[in-house]
Amino acid sequence: MKYYTEDHIWVEIRGDEATVGISQYAVDELGEIQGIELPPEDEDVIVGDDIGALEFAHDDMTIYAPLSGTITAINEELESDPELIDESPEDKGWICKINNIDDSELDDMMNETGYRKFLRSLKH
């Protein structure tokens, strides 16, 4: 199941691992990606920590940790092909994986239905 933050970060939980990326909405709003700064592996993070950045044609986006835990993997393909985020932000364009997560932190996020409702509220 996917969860979303108001900062347009998504989290997909599989077992005790969370895959993290940015939403299609963020890509649509910010334009074509120009560069990426990925987080270091094996780093312990707390919700809200700055874990990376994306440079877009029109703006930059800081990536904040949506969950506390340990970054156990980064999508190394993005270093040579950041356009994967443009092409597939909610699948192949994932940014990192976090283990040792605290499931209770998911309570502060939106499910897909809630996120769609949130996006509609932004257009008013």
PDB file of N, CA and C in Angstrom:
ATOM      1  N   MET A   1       0.847  -1.186   0.000  1.00  0.00           N
ATOM      2  CA  MET A   1       0.000   0.000   0.000  1.00  0.00           C
ATOM      3  C   MET A   1       0.884   1.238   0.000  1.00  0.00           C
ATOM      4  N   LYS A   2       0.451   2.266  -0.735  1.00  0.00           N
ATOM      5  CA  LYS A   2       1.197   3.515  -0.798  1.00  0.00           C
ATOM      6  C   LYS A   2       0.590   4.548   0.136  1.00  0.00           C
ATOM      7  N   TYR A   3       1.493   5.349   0.692  1.00  0.00           N
ATOM      8  CA  TYR A   3       1.131   6.477   1.538  1.00  0.00           C
ATOM      9  C   TYR A   3       1.825   7.707   0.967  1.00  0.00           C
ATOM     10  N   TYR A   4       1.254   8.880   1.234  1.00  0.00           N
ATOM     11  CA  TYR A   4       1.786  10.125   0.693  1.00  0.00           C
ATOM     12  C   TYR A   4       1.892  11.186   1.778  1.00  0.00           C
ATOM     13  N   THR A   5       2.854  12.094   1.600  1.00  0.00           N
ATOM     14  CA  THR A   5       2.972  13.245   2.485  1.00  0.00           C
ATOM     15  C   THR A   5       2.470  14.480   1.746  1.00  0.00           C
ATOM     16  N   GLU A   6       2.262  15.556   2.467  1.00  0.00           N
ATOM     17  CA  GLU A   6       1.854  16.810   1.838  1.00  0.00           C
ATOM     18  C   GLU A   6       2.985  17.410   1.002  1.00  0.00           C
ATOM     19  N   ASP A   7       4.206  16.898   1.180  1.00  0.00           N
ATOM     20  CA  ASP A   7       5.363  17.336   0.387  1.00  0.00           C
ATOM     21  C   ASP A   7       5.507  16.526  -0.891  1.00  0.00           C
ATOM     22  N   HIS A   8       4.508  15.698  -1.201  1.00  0.00           N
ATOM     23  CA  HIS A   8       4.452  14.902  -2.430  1.00  0.00           C
ATOM     24  C   HIS A   8       5.502  13.788  -2.478  1.00  0.00           C
ATOM     25  N   ILE A   9       5.818  13.274  -1.306  1.00  0.00           N
ATOM     26  CA  ILE A   9       6.681  12.095  -1.195  1.00  0.00           C
ATOM     27  C   ILE A   9       5.755  10.900  -1.000  1.00  0.00           C
ATOM     28  N   TRP A  10       6.073   9.799  -1.709  1.00  0.00           N
ATOM     29  CA  TRP A  10       5.289   8.586  -1.498  1.00  0.00           C
ATOM     30  C   TRP A  10       6.148   7.542  -0.797  1.00  0.00           C
ATOM     31  N   VAL A  11       5.457   6.646  -0.117  1.00  0.00           N
ATOM     32  CA  VAL A  11       6.096   5.545   0.592  1.00  0.00           C
ATOM     33  C   VAL A  11       5.280   4.300   0.293  1.00  0.00           C
ATOM     34  N   GLU A  12       5.954   3.250  -0.147  1.00  0.00           N
ATOM     35  CA  GLU A  12       5.280   1.975  -0.352  1.00  0.00           C
ATOM     36  C   GLU A  12       5.887   0.968   0.611  1.00  0.00           C
ATOM     37  N   ILE A  13       5.028   0.348   1.405  1.00  0.00           N
ATOM     38  CA  ILE A  13       5.472  -0.582   2.428  1.00  0.00           C
ATOM     39  C   ILE A  13       5.357  -2.010   1.899  1.00  0.00           C
ATOM     40  N   ARG A  14       6.456  -2.727   1.998  1.00  0.00           N
ATOM     41  CA  ARG A  14       6.489  -4.166   1.677  1.00  0.00           C
ATOM     42  C   ARG A  14       7.234  -4.849   2.808  1.00  0.00           C
ATOM     43  N   GLY A  15       6.486  -5.583   3.616  1.00  0.00           N
ATOM     44  CA  GLY A  15       7.094  -6.210   4.789  1.00  0.00           C
ATOM     45  C   GLY A  15       7.543  -5.130   5.754  1.00  0.00           C
ATOM     46  N   ASP A  16       8.830  -5.158   6.124  1.00  0.00           N
ATOM     47  CA  ASP A  16       9.346  -4.135   7.046  1.00  0.00           C
ATOM     48  C   ASP A  16      10.225  -3.115   6.318  1.00  0.00           C
ATOM     49  N   GLU A  17      10.037  -3.025   4.995  1.00  0.00           N
ATOM     50  CA  GLU A  17      10.826  -2.101   4.192  1.00  0.00           C
ATOM     51  C   GLU A  17       9.918  -1.080   3.511  1.00  0.00           C
ATOM     52  N   ALA A  18      10.373   0.164   3.510  1.00  0.00           N
ATOM     53  CA  ALA A  18       9.631   1.240   2.856  1.00  0.00           C
ATOM     54  C   ALA A  18      10.436   1.731   1.656  1.00  0.00           C
ATOM     55  N   THR A  19       9.799   1.771   0.489  1.00  0.00           N
ATOM     56  CA  THR A  19      10.406   2.363  -0.698  1.00  0.00           C
ATOM     57  C   THR A  19       9.878   3.784  -0.790  1.00  0.00           C
ATOM     58  N   VAL A  20      10.772   4.738  -1.088  1.00  0.00           N
ATOM     59  CA  VAL A  20      10.437   6.160  -1.060  1.00  0.00           C
ATOM     60  C   VAL A  20      10.681   6.782  -2.430  1.00  0.00           C
ATOM     61  N   GLY A  21       9.778   7.670  -2.844  1.00  0.00           N
ATOM     62  CA  GLY A  21       9.949   8.400  -4.095  1.00  0.00           C
ATOM     63  C   GLY A  21       9.109   9.659  -4.078  1.00  0.00           C
ATOM     64  N   ILE A  22       9.047  10.349  -5.227  1.00  0.00           N
ATOM     65  CA  ILE A  22       8.201  11.533  -5.321  1.00  0.00           C
ATOM     66  C   ILE A  22       7.011  11.220  -6.218  1.00  0.00           C
ATOM     67  N   SER A  23       5.949  11.960  -6.023  1.00  0.00           N
ATOM     68  CA  SER A  23       4.704  11.668  -6.729  1.00  0.00           C
ATOM     69  C   SER A  23       4.705  12.188  -8.161  1.00  0.00           C
ATOM     70  N   GLN A  24       3.812  11.634  -8.948  1.00  0.00           N
ATOM     71  CA  GLN A  24       3.607  12.092 -10.323  1.00  0.00           C
ATOM     72  C   GLN A  24       3.222  13.563 -10.320  1.00  0.00           C
ATOM     73  N   TYR A  25       2.426  13.972  -9.349  1.00  0.00           N
ATOM     74  CA  TYR A  25       2.014  15.372  -9.248  1.00  0.00           C
ATOM     75  C   TYR A  25       3.231  16.289  -9.147  1.00  0.00           C
ATOM     76  N   ALA A  26       4.196  15.929  -8.302  1.00  0.00           N
ATOM     77  CA  ALA A  26       5.393  16.760  -8.141  1.00  0.00           C
ATOM     78  C   ALA A  26       6.153  16.878  -9.455  1.00  0.00           C
ATOM     79  N   VAL A  27       6.298  15.777 -10.167  1.00  0.00           N
ATOM     80  CA  VAL A  27       6.991  15.791 -11.457  1.00  0.00           C
ATOM     81  C   VAL A  27       6.241  16.687 -12.441  1.00  0.00           C
ATOM     82  N   ASP A  28       4.930  16.553 -12.483  1.00  0.00           N
ATOM     83  CA  ASP A  28       4.121  17.363 -13.406  1.00  0.00           C
ATOM     84  C   ASP A  28       4.245  18.855 -13.095  1.00  0.00           C
ATOM     85  N   GLU A  29       4.320  19.198 -11.830  1.00  0.00           N
ATOM     86  CA  GLU A  29       4.389  20.602 -11.421  1.00  0.00           C
ATOM     87  C   GLU A  29       5.773  21.212 -11.615  1.00  0.00           C
ATOM     88  N   LEU A  30       6.831  20.418 -11.426  1.00  0.00           N
ATOM     89  CA  LEU A  30       8.181  20.965 -11.405  1.00  0.00           C
ATOM     90  C   LEU A  30       8.910  20.888 -12.737  1.00  0.00           C
ATOM     91  N   GLY A  31       8.384  20.136 -13.680  1.00  0.00           N
ATOM     92  CA  GLY A  31       9.021  20.066 -14.994  1.00  0.00           C
ATOM     93  C   GLY A  31      10.088  18.988 -15.078  1.00  0.00           C
ATOM     94  N   GLU A  32      10.896  19.080 -16.099  1.00  0.00           N
ATOM     95  CA  GLU A  32      11.894  18.048 -16.385  1.00  0.00           C
ATOM     96  C   GLU A  32      13.037  18.075 -15.368  1.00  0.00           C
ATOM     97  N   ILE A  33      13.424  16.890 -14.914  1.00  0.00           N
ATOM     98  CA  ILE A  33      14.495  16.790 -13.926  1.00  0.00           C
ATOM     99  C   ILE A  33      15.847  17.088 -14.578  1.00  0.00           C
ATOM    100  N   GLN A  34      16.671  17.815 -13.840  1.00  0.00           N
ATOM    101  CA  GLN A  34      18.002  18.200 -14.326  1.00  0.00           C
ATOM    102  C   GLN A  34      19.111  17.479 -13.565  1.00  0.00           C
ATOM    103  N   GLY A  35      18.876  17.156 -12.297  1.00  0.00           N
ATOM    104  CA  GLY A  35      19.907  16.508 -11.488  1.00  0.00           C
ATOM    105  C   GLY A  35      19.330  15.991 -10.191  1.00  0.00           C
ATOM    106  N   ILE A  36      20.153  15.196  -9.498  1.00  0.00           N
ATOM    107  CA  ILE A  36      19.683  14.574  -8.257  1.00  0.00           C
ATOM    108  C   ILE A  36      20.842  14.446  -7.281  1.00  0.00           C
ATOM    109  N   GLU A  37      20.510  14.598  -6.016  1.00  0.00           N
ATOM    110  CA  GLU A  37      21.447  14.330  -4.925  1.00  0.00           C
ATOM    111  C   GLU A  37      20.791  13.244  -4.074  1.00  0.00           C
ATOM    112  N   LEU A  38      21.378  12.051  -4.099  1.00  0.00           N
ATOM    113  CA  LEU A  38      20.798  10.920  -3.381  1.00  0.00           C
ATOM    114  C   LEU A  38      21.334  10.847  -1.952  1.00  0.00           C
ATOM    115  N   PRO A  39      20.565  10.260  -1.055  1.00  0.00           N
ATOM    116  CA  PRO A  39      21.034  10.121   0.327  1.00  0.00           C
ATOM    117  C   PRO A  39      22.099   9.032   0.429  1.00  0.00           C
ATOM    118  N   PRO A  40      22.942   9.101   1.455  1.00  0.00           N
ATOM    119  CA  PRO A  40      23.925   8.033   1.660  1.00  0.00           C
ATOM    120  C   PRO A  40      23.254   6.781   2.223  1.00  0.00           C
ATOM    121  N   GLU A  41      23.768   5.625   1.816  1.00  0.00           N
ATOM    122  CA  GLU A  41      23.257   4.364   2.371  1.00  0.00           C
ATOM    123  C   GLU A  41      23.740   4.198   3.809  1.00  0.00           C
ATOM    124  N   ASP A  42      23.030   3.361   4.547  1.00  0.00           N
ATOM    125  CA  ASP A  42      23.347   3.019   5.940  1.00  0.00           C
ATOM    126  C   ASP A  42      23.275   4.210   6.882  1.00  0.00           C
ATOM    127  N   GLU A  43      22.516   5.226   6.498  1.00  0.00           N
ATOM    128  CA  GLU A  43      22.348   6.393   7.367  1.00  0.00           C
ATOM    129  C   GLU A  43      21.036   6.276   8.120  1.00  0.00           C
ATOM    130  N   ASP A  44      21.083   6.521   9.421  1.00  0.00           N
ATOM    131  CA  ASP A  44      19.868   6.555  10.225  1.00  0.00           C
ATOM    132  C   ASP A  44      19.219   7.923  10.045  1.00  0.00           C
ATOM    133  N   VAL A  45      17.908   7.919   9.821  1.00  0.00           N
ATOM    134  CA  VAL A  45      17.181   9.168   9.600  1.00  0.00           C
ATOM    135  C   VAL A  45      15.971   9.230  10.512  1.00  0.00           C
ATOM    136  N   ILE A  46      15.533  10.450  10.751  1.00  0.00           N
ATOM    137  CA  ILE A  46      14.335  10.715  11.537  1.00  0.00           C
ATOM    138  C   ILE A  46      13.373  11.461  10.624  1.00  0.00           C
ATOM    139  N   VAL A  47      12.082  11.241  10.808  1.00  0.00           N
ATOM    140  CA  VAL A  47      11.073  11.936  10.008  1.00  0.00           C
ATOM    141  C   VAL A  47      11.443  13.416   9.895  1.00  0.00           C
ATOM    142  N   GLY A  48      11.426  13.919   8.663  1.00  0.00           N
ATOM    143  CA  GLY A  48      11.705  15.325   8.429  1.00  0.00           C
ATOM    144  C   GLY A  48      13.147  15.645   8.099  1.00  0.00           C
ATOM    145  N   ASP A  49      14.068  14.672   8.281  1.00  0.00           N
ATOM    146  CA  ASP A  49      15.464  14.916   7.921  1.00  0.00           C
ATOM    147  C   ASP A  49      15.593  15.143   6.422  1.00  0.00           C
ATOM    148  N   ASP A  50      16.489  16.011   6.031  1.00  0.00           N
ATOM    149  CA  ASP A  50      16.818  16.265   4.633  1.00  0.00           C
ATOM    150  C   ASP A  50      17.648  15.076   4.147  1.00  0.00           C
ATOM    151  N   ILE A  51      17.127  14.334   3.172  1.00  0.00           N
ATOM    152  CA  ILE A  51      17.850  13.150   2.698  1.00  0.00           C
ATOM    153  C   ILE A  51      18.262  13.235   1.230  1.00  0.00           C
ATOM    154  N   GLY A  52      18.050  14.372   0.610  1.00  0.00           N
ATOM    155  CA  GLY A  52      18.452  14.506  -0.783  1.00  0.00           C
ATOM    156  C   GLY A  52      17.771  15.685  -1.437  1.00  0.00           C
ATOM    157  N   ALA A  53      18.058  15.847  -2.730  1.00  0.00           N
ATOM    158  CA  ALA A  53      17.466  16.963  -3.460  1.00  0.00           C
ATOM    159  C   ALA A  53      17.323  16.602  -4.932  1.00  0.00           C
ATOM    160  N   LEU A  54      16.335  17.206  -5.552  1.00  0.00           N
ATOM    161  CA  LEU A  54      16.105  17.055  -6.984  1.00  0.00           C
ATOM    162  C   LEU A  54      16.134  18.438  -7.608  1.00  0.00           C
ATOM    163  N   GLU A  55      16.828  18.540  -8.734  1.00  0.00           N
ATOM    164  CA  GLU A  55      16.859  19.797  -9.479  1.00  0.00           C
ATOM    165  C   GLU A  55      15.978  19.631 -10.701  1.00  0.00           C
ATOM    166  N   PHE A  56      15.006  20.527 -10.823  1.00  0.00           N
ATOM    167  CA  PHE A  56      14.097  20.508 -11.963  1.00  0.00           C
ATOM    168  C   PHE A  56      14.318  21.756 -12.808  1.00  0.00           C
ATOM    169  N   ALA A  57      13.745  21.774 -13.975  1.00  0.00           N
ATOM    170  CA  ALA A  57      13.882  22.913 -14.887  1.00  0.00           C
ATOM    171  C   ALA A  57      13.384  24.199 -14.247  1.00  0.00           C
ATOM    172  N   HIS A  58      12.307  24.121 -13.450  1.00  0.00           N
ATOM    173  CA  HIS A  58      11.685  25.322 -12.911  1.00  0.00           C
ATOM    174  C   HIS A  58      11.939  25.544 -11.424  1.00  0.00           C
ATOM    175  N   ASP A  59      12.429  24.551 -10.720  1.00  0.00           N
ATOM    176  CA  ASP A  59      12.580  24.680  -9.268  1.00  0.00           C
ATOM    177  C   ASP A  59      13.390  23.506  -8.740  1.00  0.00           C
ATOM    178  N   ASP A  60      13.758  23.571  -7.480  1.00  0.00           N
ATOM    179  CA  ASP A  60      14.417  22.457  -6.808  1.00  0.00           C
ATOM    180  C   ASP A  60      13.460  21.893  -5.768  1.00  0.00           C
ATOM    181  N   MET A  61      13.686  20.652  -5.403  1.00  0.00           N
ATOM    182  CA  MET A  61      12.842  20.002  -4.401  1.00  0.00           C
ATOM    183  C   MET A  61      13.737  19.273  -3.415  1.00  0.00           C
ATOM    184  N   THR A  62      13.615  19.623  -2.146  1.00  0.00           N
ATOM    185  CA  THR A  62      14.319  18.898  -1.103  1.00  0.00           C
ATOM    186  C   THR A  62      13.505  17.660  -0.770  1.00  0.00           C
ATOM    187  N   ILE A  63      14.181  16.554  -0.596  1.00  0.00           N
ATOM    188  CA  ILE A  63      13.513  15.314  -0.220  1.00  0.00           C
ATOM    189  C   ILE A  63      13.694  15.133   1.280  1.00  0.00           C
ATOM    190  N   TYR A  64      12.579  15.062   1.980  1.00  0.00           N
ATOM    191  CA  TYR A  64      12.601  14.868   3.426  1.00  0.00           C
ATOM    192  C   TYR A  64      12.226  13.429   3.751  1.00  0.00           C
ATOM    193  N   ALA A  65      12.863  12.863   4.764  1.00  0.00           N
ATOM    194  CA  ALA A  65      12.548  11.502   5.189  1.00  0.00           C
ATOM    195  C   ALA A  65      11.098  11.435   5.642  1.00  0.00           C
ATOM    196  N   PRO A  66      10.293  10.600   4.997  1.00  0.00           N
ATOM    197  CA  PRO A  66       8.897  10.482   5.407  1.00  0.00           C
ATOM    198  C   PRO A  66       8.714   9.580   6.622  1.00  0.00           C
ATOM    199  N   LEU A  67       9.744   8.771   6.912  1.00  0.00           N
ATOM    200  CA  LEU A  67       9.712   7.841   8.039  1.00  0.00           C
ATOM    201  C   LEU A  67      11.081   7.806   8.705  1.00  0.00           C
ATOM    202  N   SER A  68      11.104   7.456   9.960  1.00  0.00           N
ATOM    203  CA  SER A  68      12.370   7.220  10.645  1.00  0.00           C
ATOM    204  C   SER A  68      12.832   5.802  10.338  1.00  0.00           C
ATOM    205  N   GLY A  69      14.135   5.611  10.298  1.00  0.00           N
ATOM    206  CA  GLY A  69      14.695   4.290  10.043  1.00  0.00           C
ATOM    207  C   GLY A  69      16.099   4.401   9.498  1.00  0.00           C
ATOM    208  N   THR A  70      16.533   3.364   8.789  1.00  0.00           N
ATOM    209  CA  THR A  70      17.868   3.315   8.210  1.00  0.00           C
ATOM    210  C   THR A  70      17.754   3.194   6.702  1.00  0.00           C
ATOM    211  N   ILE A  71      18.438   4.070   5.986  1.00  0.00           N
ATOM    212  CA  ILE A  71      18.453   3.983   4.523  1.00  0.00           C
ATOM    213  C   ILE A  71      19.330   2.794   4.143  1.00  0.00           C
ATOM    214  N   THR A  72      18.711   1.794   3.553  1.00  0.00           N
ATOM    215  CA  THR A  72      19.434   0.557   3.244  1.00  0.00           C
ATOM    216  C   THR A  72      19.774   0.412   1.771  1.00  0.00           C
ATOM    217  N   ALA A  73      19.153   1.222   0.920  1.00  0.00           N
ATOM    218  CA  ALA A  73      19.444   1.149  -0.518  1.00  0.00           C
ATOM    219  C   ALA A  73      19.068   2.472  -1.161  1.00  0.00           C
ATOM    220  N   ILE A  74      19.807   2.811  -2.208  1.00  0.00           N
ATOM    221  CA  ILE A  74      19.446   3.951  -3.038  1.00  0.00           C
ATOM    222  C   ILE A  74      19.303   3.444  -4.463  1.00  0.00           C
ATOM    223  N   ASN A  75      18.536   4.157  -5.250  1.00  0.00           N
ATOM    224  CA  ASN A  75      18.341   3.781  -6.647  1.00  0.00           C
ATOM    225  C   ASN A  75      19.529   4.337  -7.443  1.00  0.00           C
ATOM    226  N   GLU A  76      20.579   3.541  -7.548  1.00  0.00           N
ATOM    227  CA  GLU A  76      21.814   3.978  -8.191  1.00  0.00           C
ATOM    228  C   GLU A  76      21.625   4.306  -9.666  1.00  0.00           C
ATOM    229  N   GLU A  77      20.593   3.741 -10.294  1.00  0.00           N
ATOM    230  CA  GLU A  77      20.319   4.051 -11.701  1.00  0.00           C
ATOM    231  C   GLU A  77      20.047   5.538 -11.903  1.00  0.00           C
ATOM    232  N   LEU A  78      19.541   6.199 -10.873  1.00  0.00           N
ATOM    233  CA  LEU A  78      19.208   7.620 -10.990  1.00  0.00           C
ATOM    234  C   LEU A  78      20.444   8.493 -11.169  1.00  0.00           C
ATOM    235  N   GLU A  79      21.604   8.029 -10.687  1.00  0.00           N
ATOM    236  CA  GLU A  79      22.829   8.820 -10.820  1.00  0.00           C
ATOM    237  C   GLU A  79      23.196   9.031 -12.285  1.00  0.00           C
ATOM    238  N   SER A  80      23.015   8.008 -13.091  1.00  0.00           N
ATOM    239  CA  SER A  80      23.341   8.137 -14.513  1.00  0.00           C
ATOM    240  C   SER A  80      22.114   8.431 -15.366  1.00  0.00           C
ATOM    241  N   ASP A  81      20.934   8.186 -14.831  1.00  0.00           N
ATOM    242  CA  ASP A  81      19.706   8.373 -15.598  1.00  0.00           C
ATOM    243  C   ASP A  81      18.599   8.977 -14.726  1.00  0.00           C
ATOM    244  N   PRO A  82      18.778  10.247 -14.285  1.00  0.00           N
ATOM    245  CA  PRO A  82      17.761  10.847 -13.417  1.00  0.00           C
ATOM    246  C   PRO A  82      16.402  10.989 -14.097  1.00  0.00           C
ATOM    247  N   GLU A  83      16.383  10.903 -15.437  1.00  0.00           N
ATOM    248  CA  GLU A  83      15.118  11.015 -16.169  1.00  0.00           C
ATOM    249  C   GLU A  83      14.144   9.897 -15.814  1.00  0.00           C
ATOM    250  N   LEU A  84      14.633   8.841 -15.160  1.00  0.00           N
ATOM    251  CA  LEU A  84      13.726   7.779 -14.694  1.00  0.00           C
ATOM    252  C   LEU A  84      12.636   8.366 -13.796  1.00  0.00           C
ATOM    253  N   ILE A  85      12.975   9.433 -13.089  1.00  0.00           N
ATOM    254  CA  ILE A  85      11.971  10.075 -12.228  1.00  0.00           C
ATOM    255  C   ILE A  85      10.894  10.718 -13.087  1.00  0.00           C
ATOM    256  N   ASP A  86      11.289  11.363 -14.195  1.00  0.00           N
ATOM    257  CA  ASP A  86      10.299  11.953 -15.110  1.00  0.00           C
ATOM    258  C   ASP A  86       9.417  10.875 -15.726  1.00  0.00           C
ATOM    259  N   GLU A  87      10.040   9.787 -16.125  1.00  0.00           N
ATOM    260  CA  GLU A  87       9.352   8.730 -16.865  1.00  0.00           C
ATOM    261  C   GLU A  87       8.479   7.856 -15.971  1.00  0.00           C
ATOM    262  N   SER A  88       8.933   7.602 -14.747  1.00  0.00           N
ATOM    263  CA  SER A  88       8.242   6.645 -13.889  1.00  0.00           C
ATOM    264  C   SER A  88       8.450   6.993 -12.413  1.00  0.00           C
ATOM    265  N   PRO A  89       7.925   8.153 -11.969  1.00  0.00           N
ATOM    266  CA  PRO A  89       8.221   8.603 -10.609  1.00  0.00           C
ATOM    267  C   PRO A  89       7.705   7.682  -9.504  1.00  0.00           C
ATOM    268  N   GLU A  90       6.644   6.948  -9.786  1.00  0.00           N
ATOM    269  CA  GLU A  90       6.072   6.124  -8.720  1.00  0.00           C
ATOM    270  C   GLU A  90       6.346   4.631  -8.924  1.00  0.00           C
ATOM    271  N   ASP A  91       7.405   4.340  -9.708  1.00  0.00           N
ATOM    272  CA  ASP A  91       7.808   2.953  -9.907  1.00  0.00           C
ATOM    273  C   ASP A  91       9.327   2.888 -10.078  1.00  0.00           C
ATOM    274  N   LYS A  92       9.812   2.934 -11.295  1.00  0.00           N
ATOM    275  CA  LYS A  92      11.250   2.802 -11.556  1.00  0.00           C
ATOM    276  C   LYS A  92      12.064   3.975 -11.036  1.00  0.00           C
ATOM    277  N   GLY A  93      11.417   5.111 -10.813  1.00  0.00           N
ATOM    278  CA  GLY A  93      12.108   6.303 -10.334  1.00  0.00           C
ATOM    279  C   GLY A  93      12.157   6.430  -8.820  1.00  0.00           C
ATOM    280  N   TRP A  94      12.028   5.320  -8.102  1.00  0.00           N
ATOM    281  CA  TRP A  94      12.107   5.368  -6.639  1.00  0.00           C
ATOM    282  C   TRP A  94      13.476   5.920  -6.228  1.00  0.00           C
ATOM    283  N   ILE A  95      13.545   6.492  -5.029  1.00  0.00           N
ATOM    284  CA  ILE A  95      14.769   7.159  -4.591  1.00  0.00           C
ATOM    285  C   ILE A  95      15.578   6.324  -3.609  1.00  0.00           C
ATOM    286  N   CYS A  96      14.926   5.819  -2.564  1.00  0.00           N
ATOM    287  CA  CYS A  96      15.663   5.026  -1.579  1.00  0.00           C
ATOM    288  C   CYS A  96      14.723   4.052  -0.879  1.00  0.00           C
ATOM    289  N   LYS A  97      15.337   3.159  -0.117  1.00  0.00           N
ATOM    290  CA  LYS A  97      14.591   2.205   0.700  1.00  0.00           C
ATOM    291  C   LYS A  97      15.017   2.408   2.156  1.00  0.00           C
ATOM    292  N   ILE A  98      14.034   2.345   3.039  1.00  0.00           N
ATOM    293  CA  ILE A  98      14.278   2.545   4.467  1.00  0.00           C
ATOM    294  C   ILE A  98      13.785   1.324   5.226  1.00  0.00           C
ATOM    295  N   ASN A  99      14.645   0.786   6.093  1.00  0.00           N
ATOM    296  CA  ASN A  99      14.280  -0.332   6.971  1.00  0.00           C
ATOM    297  C   ASN A  99      14.224   0.158   8.414  1.00  0.00           C
ATOM    298  N   ASN A 100      13.831  -0.737   9.307  1.00  0.00           N
ATOM    299  CA  ASN A 100      13.699  -0.427  10.734  1.00  0.00           C
ATOM    300  C   ASN A 100      12.720   0.730  10.943  1.00  0.00           C
ATOM    301  N   ILE A 101      11.630   0.705  10.178  1.00  0.00           N
ATOM    302  CA  ILE A 101      10.662   1.796  10.241  1.00  0.00           C
ATOM    303  C   ILE A 101       9.722   1.639  11.434  1.00  0.00           C
ATOM    304  N   ASP A 102       9.135   2.744  11.812  1.00  0.00           N
ATOM    305  CA  ASP A 102       8.136   2.781  12.869  1.00  0.00           C
ATOM    306  C   ASP A 102       6.776   2.929  12.188  1.00  0.00           C
ATOM    307  N   ASP A 103       6.015   1.843  12.139  1.00  0.00           N
ATOM    308  CA  ASP A 103       4.722   1.844  11.445  1.00  0.00           C
ATOM    309  C   ASP A 103       3.776   2.931  11.942  1.00  0.00           C
ATOM    310  N   SER A 104       3.913   3.342  13.190  1.00  0.00           N
ATOM    311  CA  SER A 104       2.989   4.349  13.722  1.00  0.00           C
ATOM    312  C   SER A 104       3.153   5.688  13.001  1.00  0.00           C
ATOM    313  N   GLU A 105       4.306   5.930  12.378  1.00  0.00           N
ATOM    314  CA  GLU A 105       4.518   7.178  11.645  1.00  0.00           C
ATOM    315  C   GLU A 105       3.675   7.253  10.372  1.00  0.00           C
ATOM    316  N   LEU A 106       3.205   6.114   9.907  1.00  0.00           N
ATOM    317  CA  LEU A 106       2.338   6.097   8.732  1.00  0.00           C
ATOM    318  C   LEU A 106       0.999   6.782   9.025  1.00  0.00           C
ATOM    319  N   ASP A 107       0.634   6.854  10.296  1.00  0.00           N
ATOM    320  CA  ASP A 107      -0.633   7.485  10.684  1.00  0.00           C
ATOM    321  C   ASP A 107      -0.675   8.964  10.298  1.00  0.00           C
ATOM    322  N   ASP A 108       0.495   9.572  10.130  1.00  0.00           N
ATOM    323  CA  ASP A 108       0.563  10.988   9.771  1.00  0.00           C
ATOM    324  C   ASP A 108       0.526  11.215   8.264  1.00  0.00           C
ATOM    325  N   MET A 109       0.405  10.136   7.486  1.00  0.00           N
ATOM    326  CA  MET A 109       0.392  10.236   6.036  1.00  0.00           C
ATOM    327  C   MET A 109      -1.003   9.955   5.491  1.00  0.00           C
ATOM    328  N   MET A 110      -1.153  10.222   4.194  1.00  0.00           N
ATOM    329  CA  MET A 110      -2.425   9.982   3.515  1.00  0.00           C
ATOM    330  C   MET A 110      -2.340   8.709   2.684  1.00  0.00           C
ATOM    331  N   ASN A 111      -3.436   7.972   2.597  1.00  0.00           N
ATOM    332  CA  ASN A 111      -3.492   6.868   1.646  1.00  0.00           C
ATOM    333  C   ASN A 111      -3.751   7.473   0.261  1.00  0.00           C
ATOM    334  N   GLU A 112      -3.821   6.644  -0.768  1.00  0.00           N
ATOM    335  CA  GLU A 112      -3.976   7.161  -2.138  1.00  0.00           C
ATOM    336  C   GLU A 112      -5.250   7.988  -2.300  1.00  0.00           C
ATOM    337  N   THR A 113      -6.345   7.540  -1.706  1.00  0.00           N
ATOM    338  CA  THR A 113      -7.606   8.279  -1.794  1.00  0.00           C
ATOM    339  C   THR A 113      -7.478   9.636  -1.117  1.00  0.00           C
ATOM    340  N   GLY A 114      -6.901   9.647   0.063  1.00  0.00           N
ATOM    341  CA  GLY A 114      -6.704  10.893   0.785  1.00  0.00           C
ATOM    342  C   GLY A 114      -5.784  11.847   0.033  1.00  0.00           C
ATOM    343  N   TYR A 115      -4.763  11.312  -0.620  1.00  0.00           N
ATOM    344  CA  TYR A 115      -3.834  12.144  -1.378  1.00  0.00           C
ATOM    345  C   TYR A 115      -4.527  12.774  -2.584  1.00  0.00           C
ATOM    346  N   ARG A 116      -5.343  11.997  -3.282  1.00  0.00           N
ATOM    347  CA  ARG A 116      -6.086  12.559  -4.424  1.00  0.00           C
ATOM    348  C   ARG A 116      -7.005  13.687  -3.955  1.00  0.00           C
ATOM    349  N   LYS A 117      -7.632  13.493  -2.817  1.00  0.00           N
ATOM    350  CA  LYS A 117      -8.501  14.536  -2.255  1.00  0.00           C
ATOM    351  C   LYS A 117      -7.659  15.774  -1.910  1.00  0.00           C
ATOM    352  N   PHE A 118      -6.495  15.566  -1.325  1.00  0.00           N
ATOM    353  CA  PHE A 118      -5.580  16.663  -0.994  1.00  0.00           C
ATOM    354  C   PHE A 118      -5.185  17.426  -2.258  1.00  0.00           C
ATOM    355  N   LEU A 119      -4.875  16.708  -3.343  1.00  0.00           N
ATOM    356  CA  LEU A 119      -4.487  17.365  -4.595  1.00  0.00           C
ATOM    357  C   LEU A 119      -5.624  18.216  -5.149  1.00  0.00           C
ATOM    358  N   ARG A 120      -6.844  17.714  -5.042  1.00  0.00           N
ATOM    359  CA  ARG A 120      -8.001  18.504  -5.508  1.00  0.00           C
ATOM    360  C   ARG A 120      -8.118  19.795  -4.700  1.00  0.00           C
ATOM    361  N   SER A 121      -7.802  19.740  -3.417  1.00  0.00           N
ATOM    362  CA  SER A 121      -7.894  20.940  -2.571  1.00  0.00           C
ATOM    363  C   SER A 121      -6.848  21.979  -2.968  1.00  0.00           C
ATOM    364  N   LEU A 122      -5.747  21.557  -3.571  1.00  0.00           N
ATOM    365  CA  LEU A 122      -4.700  22.488  -3.999  1.00  0.00           C
ATOM    366  C   LEU A 122      -5.103  23.297  -5.214  1.00  0.00           C
ATOM    367  N   LYS A 123      -6.048  22.774  -5.968  1.00  0.00           N
ATOM    368  CA  LYS A 123      -6.461  23.415  -7.220  1.00  0.00           C
ATOM    369  C   LYS A 123      -7.541  24.453  -7.012  1.00  0.00           C
ATOM    370  N   HIS A 124      -7.955  24.658  -5.772  1.00  0.00           N
ATOM    371  CA  HIS A 124      -9.015  25.636  -5.497  1.00  0.00           C
ATOM    372  C   HIS A 124      -8.450  26.910  -4.947  1.00  0.00           C
TER     373      HIS A 124
END
